[in-house]
Amino acid sequence: MMTLSWVSSASAVSPDVVNIGVGTKGKYVVMNARLVDGFTEKIREAIANGVPMSFTYDIELRKANTL
């Protein structure tokens, strides 16, 4: 199970993570996903104007225990 969480300012539309794909590349676990409605218009404008931004996502990877 994979859990994604982030802090977002209040908006009319809730953010959603879609198209989640998980795999391995050698000894690494890799993940791809798409964030929909995750940024306010103000943040999108700032990015379009070249303002440096960084985003942090907390991802928890769990392995099911089999008996």
PDB file of N, CA and C in Angstrom:
ATOM      1  N   MET A   1       0.841  -1.172   0.000  1.00  0.00           N
ATOM      2  CA  MET A   1       0.000   0.000   0.000  1.00  0.00           C
ATOM      3  C   MET A   1       0.882   1.231   0.000  1.00  0.00           C
ATOM      4  N   MET A   2       0.520   2.240  -0.752  1.00  0.00           N
ATOM      5  CA  MET A   2       1.287   3.462  -0.815  1.00  0.00           C
ATOM      6  C   MET A   2       0.392   4.612  -0.401  1.00  0.00           C
ATOM      7  N   THR A   3       0.893   5.482   0.454  1.00  0.00           N
ATOM      8  CA  THR A   3       0.135   6.618   0.934  1.00  0.00           C
ATOM      9  C   THR A   3       0.857   7.894   0.551  1.00  0.00           C
ATOM     10  N   LEU A   4       0.160   8.821  -0.071  1.00  0.00           N
ATOM     11  CA  LEU A   4       0.720  10.117  -0.409  1.00  0.00           C
ATOM     12  C   LEU A   4      -0.012  11.168   0.399  1.00  0.00           C
ATOM     13  N   SER A   5       0.732  12.108   0.939  1.00  0.00           N
ATOM     14  CA  SER A   5       0.081  13.181   1.684  1.00  0.00           C
ATOM     15  C   SER A   5       0.801  14.492   1.413  1.00  0.00           C
ATOM     16  N   TRP A   6       0.071  15.587   1.461  1.00  0.00           N
ATOM     17  CA  TRP A   6       0.667  16.898   1.287  1.00  0.00           C
ATOM     18  C   TRP A   6      -0.228  17.920   1.940  1.00  0.00           C
ATOM     19  N   VAL A   7       0.334  19.106   2.147  1.00  0.00           N
ATOM     20  CA  VAL A   7      -0.418  20.201   2.735  1.00  0.00           C
ATOM     21  C   VAL A   7      -0.798  21.134   1.606  1.00  0.00           C
ATOM     22  N   SER A   8      -2.053  21.472   1.531  1.00  0.00           N
ATOM     23  CA  SER A   8      -2.534  22.344   0.470  1.00  0.00           C
ATOM     24  C   SER A   8      -3.413  23.421   1.082  1.00  0.00           C
ATOM     25  N   SER A   9      -3.337  24.630   0.524  1.00  0.00           N
ATOM     26  CA  SER A   9      -4.214  25.683   1.016  1.00  0.00           C
ATOM     27  C   SER A   9      -5.636  25.379   0.581  1.00  0.00           C
ATOM     28  N   ALA A  10      -6.574  25.972   1.260  1.00  0.00           N
ATOM     29  CA  ALA A  10      -7.982  25.712   0.955  1.00  0.00           C
ATOM     30  C   ALA A  10      -8.288  26.110  -0.480  1.00  0.00           C
ATOM     31  N   SER A  11      -8.998  25.267  -1.168  1.00  0.00           N
ATOM     32  CA  SER A  11      -9.412  25.563  -2.536  1.00  0.00           C
ATOM     33  C   SER A  11     -10.756  24.895  -2.788  1.00  0.00           C
ATOM     34  N   ALA A  12     -11.392  25.291  -3.883  1.00  0.00           N
ATOM     35  CA  ALA A  12     -12.706  24.748  -4.201  1.00  0.00           C
ATOM     36  C   ALA A  12     -12.622  23.290  -4.627  1.00  0.00           C
ATOM     37  N   VAL A  13     -11.498  22.884  -5.189  1.00  0.00           N
ATOM     38  CA  VAL A  13     -11.323  21.526  -5.684  1.00  0.00           C
ATOM     39  C   VAL A  13     -10.265  20.834  -4.841  1.00  0.00           C
ATOM     40  N   SER A  14     -10.533  19.608  -4.454  1.00  0.00           N
ATOM     41  CA  SER A  14      -9.560  18.857  -3.664  1.00  0.00           C
ATOM     42  C   SER A  14      -8.502  18.255  -4.580  1.00  0.00           C
ATOM     43  N   PRO A  15      -7.231  18.276  -4.155  1.00  0.00           N
ATOM     44  CA  PRO A  15      -6.184  17.642  -4.953  1.00  0.00           C
ATOM     45  C   PRO A  15      -6.391  16.134  -5.018  1.00  0.00           C
ATOM     46  N   ASP A  16      -5.910  15.543  -6.097  1.00  0.00           N
ATOM     47  CA  ASP A  16      -6.047  14.105  -6.276  1.00  0.00           C
ATOM     48  C   ASP A  16      -4.786  13.572  -6.946  1.00  0.00           C
ATOM     49  N   VAL A  17      -4.321  12.422  -6.514  1.00  0.00           N
ATOM     50  CA  VAL A  17      -3.178  11.760  -7.132  1.00  0.00           C
ATOM     51  C   VAL A  17      -3.724  10.619  -7.983  1.00  0.00           C
ATOM     52  N   VAL A  18      -3.376  10.631  -9.271  1.00  0.00           N
ATOM     53  CA  VAL A  18      -3.891   9.629 -10.205  1.00  0.00           C
ATOM     54  C   VAL A  18      -2.741   8.996 -10.981  1.00  0.00           C
ATOM     55  N   ASN A  19      -3.055   7.947 -11.696  1.00  0.00           N
ATOM     56  CA  ASN A  19      -2.080   7.252 -12.543  1.00  0.00           C
ATOM     57  C   ASN A  19      -0.828   6.853 -11.762  1.00  0.00           C
ATOM     58  N   ILE A  20      -1.020   6.250 -10.606  1.00  0.00           N
ATOM     59  CA  ILE A  20       0.110   5.843  -9.772  1.00  0.00           C
ATOM     60  C   ILE A  20       0.696   4.549 -10.328  1.00  0.00           C
ATOM     61  N   GLY A  21       1.990   4.575 -10.537  1.00  0.00           N
ATOM     62  CA  GLY A  21       2.697   3.385 -10.995  1.00  0.00           C
ATOM     63  C   GLY A  21       3.929   3.166 -10.137  1.00  0.00           C
ATOM     64  N   VAL A  22       4.141   1.939  -9.698  1.00  0.00           N
ATOM     65  CA  VAL A  22       5.287   1.609  -8.847  1.00  0.00           C
ATOM     66  C   VAL A  22       6.024   0.439  -9.482  1.00  0.00           C
ATOM     67  N   GLY A  23       7.347   0.510  -9.464  1.00  0.00           N
ATOM     68  CA  GLY A  23       8.152  -0.576 -10.011  1.00  0.00           C
ATOM     69  C   GLY A  23       9.537  -0.558  -9.397  1.00  0.00           C
ATOM     70  N   THR A  24      10.414  -1.351  -9.944  1.00  0.00           N
ATOM     71  CA  THR A  24      11.798  -1.378  -9.472  1.00  0.00           C
ATOM     72  C   THR A  24      12.726  -1.072 -10.631  1.00  0.00           C
ATOM     73  N   LYS A  25      13.849  -0.482 -10.293  1.00  0.00           N
ATOM     74  CA  LYS A  25      14.914  -0.208 -11.252  1.00  0.00           C
ATOM     75  C   LYS A  25      16.208  -0.563 -10.546  1.00  0.00           C
ATOM     76  N   GLY A  26      16.669  -1.775 -10.790  1.00  0.00           N
ATOM     77  CA  GLY A  26      17.832  -2.254 -10.048  1.00  0.00           C
ATOM     78  C   GLY A  26      17.464  -2.426  -8.592  1.00  0.00           C
ATOM     79  N   LYS A  27      18.235  -1.798  -7.705  1.00  0.00           N
ATOM     80  CA  LYS A  27      17.962  -1.902  -6.270  1.00  0.00           C
ATOM     81  C   LYS A  27      17.030  -0.802  -5.759  1.00  0.00           C
ATOM     82  N   TYR A  28      16.488   0.021  -6.664  1.00  0.00           N
ATOM     83  CA  TYR A  28      15.635   1.135  -6.268  1.00  0.00           C
ATOM     84  C   TYR A  28      14.169   0.849  -6.557  1.00  0.00           C
ATOM     85  N   VAL A  29      13.296   1.369  -5.704  1.00  0.00           N
ATOM     86  CA  VAL A  29      11.856   1.371  -5.962  1.00  0.00           C
ATOM     87  C   VAL A  29      11.545   2.725  -6.584  1.00  0.00           C
ATOM     88  N   VAL A  30      10.868   2.718  -7.717  1.00  0.00           N
ATOM     89  CA  VAL A  30      10.537   3.964  -8.399  1.00  0.00           C
ATOM     90  C   VAL A  30       9.021   4.128  -8.464  1.00  0.00           C
ATOM     91  N   MET A  31       8.580   5.385  -8.475  1.00  0.00           N
ATOM     92  CA  MET A  31       7.157   5.673  -8.504  1.00  0.00           C
ATOM     93  C   MET A  31       6.895   6.830  -9.444  1.00  0.00           C
ATOM     94  N   ASN A  32       5.827   6.735 -10.198  1.00  0.00           N
ATOM     95  CA  ASN A  32       5.348   7.822 -11.038  1.00  0.00           C
ATOM     96  C   ASN A  32       3.894   8.059 -10.686  1.00  0.00           C
ATOM     97  N   ALA A  33       3.493   9.329 -10.686  1.00  0.00           N
ATOM     98  CA  ALA A  33       2.101   9.672 -10.406  1.00  0.00           C
ATOM     99  C   ALA A  33       1.827  11.058 -10.974  1.00  0.00           C
ATOM    100  N   ARG A  34       0.560  11.388 -11.067  1.00  0.00           N
ATOM    101  CA  ARG A  34       0.149  12.704 -11.548  1.00  0.00           C
ATOM    102  C   ARG A  34      -0.709  13.364 -10.477  1.00  0.00           C
ATOM    103  N   LEU A  35      -0.359  14.597 -10.126  1.00  0.00           N
ATOM    104  CA  LEU A  35      -1.123  15.375  -9.154  1.00  0.00           C
ATOM    105  C   LEU A  35      -2.087  16.279  -9.913  1.00  0.00           C
ATOM    106  N   VAL A  36      -3.375  16.129  -9.641  1.00  0.00           N
ATOM    107  CA  VAL A  36      -4.417  16.914 -10.303  1.00  0.00           C
ATOM    108  C   VAL A  36      -4.997  17.901  -9.298  1.00  0.00           C
ATOM    109  N   ASP A  37      -5.120  19.157  -9.701  1.00  0.00           N
ATOM    110  CA  ASP A  37      -5.692  20.220  -8.856  1.00  0.00           C
ATOM    111  C   ASP A  37      -4.936  20.372  -7.547  1.00  0.00           C
ATOM    112  N   GLY A  38      -3.618  20.254  -7.596  1.00  0.00           N
ATOM    113  CA  GLY A  38      -2.808  20.339  -6.386  1.00  0.00           C
ATOM    114  C   GLY A  38      -2.260  21.721  -6.089  1.00  0.00           C
ATOM    115  N   PHE A  39      -2.375  22.653  -7.045  1.00  0.00           N
ATOM    116  CA  PHE A  39      -1.790  23.975  -6.861  1.00  0.00           C
ATOM    117  C   PHE A  39      -2.838  25.060  -7.054  1.00  0.00           C
ATOM    118  N   THR A  40      -2.715  26.103  -6.273  1.00  0.00           N
ATOM    119  CA  THR A  40      -3.610  27.248  -6.429  1.00  0.00           C
ATOM    120  C   THR A  40      -3.200  28.031  -7.673  1.00  0.00           C
ATOM    121  N   GLU A  41      -4.070  28.893  -8.134  1.00  0.00           N
ATOM    122  CA  GLU A  41      -3.767  29.737  -9.292  1.00  0.00           C
ATOM    123  C   GLU A  41      -2.548  30.615  -9.005  1.00  0.00           C
ATOM    124  N   LYS A  42      -2.421  31.086  -7.782  1.00  0.00           N
ATOM    125  CA  LYS A  42      -1.279  31.933  -7.402  1.00  0.00           C
ATOM    126  C   LYS A  42       0.043  31.169  -7.554  1.00  0.00           C
ATOM    127  N   ILE A  43       0.068  29.920  -7.142  1.00  0.00           N
ATOM    128  CA  ILE A  43       1.282  29.108  -7.280  1.00  0.00           C
ATOM    129  C   ILE A  43       1.569  28.844  -8.752  1.00  0.00           C
ATOM    130  N   ARG A  44       0.545  28.524  -9.539  1.00  0.00           N
ATOM    131  CA  ARG A  44       0.754  28.285 -10.976  1.00  0.00           C
ATOM    132  C   ARG A  44       1.306  29.530 -11.667  1.00  0.00           C
ATOM    133  N   GLU A  45       0.804  30.707 -11.310  1.00  0.00           N
ATOM    134  CA  GLU A  45       1.302  31.958 -11.887  1.00  0.00           C
ATOM    135  C   GLU A  45       2.761  32.183 -11.508  1.00  0.00           C
ATOM    136  N   ALA A  46       3.105  31.923 -10.253  1.00  0.00           N
ATOM    137  CA  ALA A  46       4.486  32.106  -9.808  1.00  0.00           C
ATOM    138  C   ALA A  46       5.428  31.185 -10.581  1.00  0.00           C
ATOM    139  N   ILE A  47       5.039  29.934 -10.763  1.00  0.00           N
ATOM    140  CA  ILE A  47       5.865  28.989 -11.528  1.00  0.00           C
ATOM    141  C   ILE A  47       6.012  29.472 -12.971  1.00  0.00           C
ATOM    142  N   ALA A  48       4.913  29.922 -13.575  1.00  0.00           N
ATOM    143  CA  ALA A  48       4.948  30.416 -14.953  1.00  0.00           C
ATOM    144  C   ALA A  48       5.862  31.631 -15.087  1.00  0.00           C
ATOM    145  N   ASN A  49       5.996  32.417 -14.017  1.00  0.00           N
ATOM    146  CA  ASN A  49       6.849  33.602 -14.026  1.00  0.00           C
ATOM    147  C   ASN A  49       8.285  33.300 -13.617  1.00  0.00           C
ATOM    148  N   GLY A  50       8.611  32.027 -13.428  1.00  0.00           N
ATOM    149  CA  GLY A  50       9.992  31.648 -13.148  1.00  0.00           C
ATOM    150  C   GLY A  50      10.399  31.664 -11.691  1.00  0.00           C
ATOM    151  N   VAL A  51       9.457  31.815 -10.779  1.00  0.00           N
ATOM    152  CA  VAL A  51       9.789  31.788  -9.354  1.00  0.00           C
ATOM    153  C   VAL A  51      10.189  30.362  -8.978  1.00  0.00           C
ATOM    154  N   PRO A  52      11.383  30.187  -8.373  1.00  0.00           N
ATOM    155  CA  PRO A  52      11.807  28.833  -7.985  1.00  0.00           C
ATOM    156  C   PRO A  52      10.862  28.252  -6.931  1.00  0.00           C
ATOM    157  N   MET A  53      10.483  27.019  -7.111  1.00  0.00           N
ATOM    158  CA  MET A  53       9.597  26.327  -6.170  1.00  0.00           C
ATOM    159  C   MET A  53      10.173  24.954  -5.883  1.00  0.00           C
ATOM    160  N   SER A  54       9.902  24.459  -4.709  1.00  0.00           N
ATOM    161  CA  SER A  54      10.223  23.061  -4.412  1.00  0.00           C
ATOM    162  C   SER A  54       9.022  22.460  -3.698  1.00  0.00           C
ATOM    163  N   PHE A  55       8.804  21.188  -3.939  1.00  0.00           N
ATOM    164  CA  PHE A  55       7.671  20.487  -3.366  1.00  0.00           C
ATOM    165  C   PHE A  55       8.172  19.213  -2.722  1.00  0.00           C
ATOM    166  N   THR A  56       7.619  18.883  -1.575  1.00  0.00           N
ATOM    167  CA  THR A  56       8.011  17.673  -0.862  1.00  0.00           C
ATOM    168  C   THR A  56       6.792  16.785  -0.695  1.00  0.00           C
ATOM    169  N   TYR A  57       6.951  15.531  -1.044  1.00  0.00           N
ATOM    170  CA  TYR A  57       5.893  14.544  -0.884  1.00  0.00           C
ATOM    171  C   TYR A  57       6.379  13.479   0.077  1.00  0.00           C
ATOM    172  N   ASP A  58       5.563  13.122   1.033  1.00  0.00           N
ATOM    173  CA  ASP A  58       5.878  12.025   1.943  1.00  0.00           C
ATOM    174  C   ASP A  58       5.223  10.768   1.387  1.00  0.00           C
ATOM    175  N   ILE A  59       6.041   9.784   1.101  1.00  0.00           N
ATOM    176  CA  ILE A  59       5.546   8.539   0.523  1.00  0.00           C
ATOM    177  C   ILE A  59       5.893   7.402   1.466  1.00  0.00           C
ATOM    178  N   GLU A  60       4.908   6.604   1.787  1.00  0.00           N
ATOM    179  CA  GLU A  60       5.118   5.458   2.672  1.00  0.00           C
ATOM    180  C   GLU A  60       4.902   4.186   1.868  1.00  0.00           C
ATOM    181  N   LEU A  61       5.919   3.354   1.839  1.00  0.00           N
ATOM    182  CA  LEU A  61       5.855   2.091   1.118  1.00  0.00           C
ATOM    183  C   LEU A  61       5.781   0.974   2.138  1.00  0.00           C
ATOM    184  N   ARG A  62       4.765   0.136   2.018  1.00  0.00           N
ATOM    185  CA  ARG A  62       4.577  -0.970   2.964  1.00  0.00           C
ATOM    186  C   ARG A  62       4.532  -2.288   2.216  1.00  0.00           C
ATOM    187  N   LYS A  63       5.056  -3.300   2.843  1.00  0.00           N
ATOM    188  CA  LYS A  63       4.999  -4.648   2.296  1.00  0.00           C
ATOM    189  C   LYS A  63       4.054  -5.460   3.162  1.00  0.00           C
ATOM    190  N   ALA A  64       3.098  -6.112   2.527  1.00  0.00           N
ATOM    191  CA  ALA A  64       2.136  -6.928   3.269  1.00  0.00           C
ATOM    192  C   ALA A  64       2.842  -8.152   3.836  1.00  0.00           C
ATOM    193  N   ASN A  65       2.561  -8.466   5.092  1.00  0.00           N
ATOM    194  CA  ASN A  65       3.090  -9.684   5.715  1.00  0.00           C
ATOM    195  C   ASN A  65       2.233 -10.865   5.302  1.00  0.00           C
ATOM    196  N   THR A  66       2.877 -11.911   4.833  1.00  0.00           N
ATOM    197  CA  THR A  66       2.142 -13.118   4.483  1.00  0.00           C
ATOM    198  C   THR A  66       2.385 -14.171   5.549  1.00  0.00           C
ATOM    199  N   LEU A  67       1.361 -14.892   5.888  1.00  0.00           N
ATOM    200  CA  LEU A  67       1.476 -15.919   6.928  1.00  0.00           C
ATOM    201  C   LEU A  67       1.629 -17.283   6.341  1.00  0.00           C
TER     202      LEU A  67
END
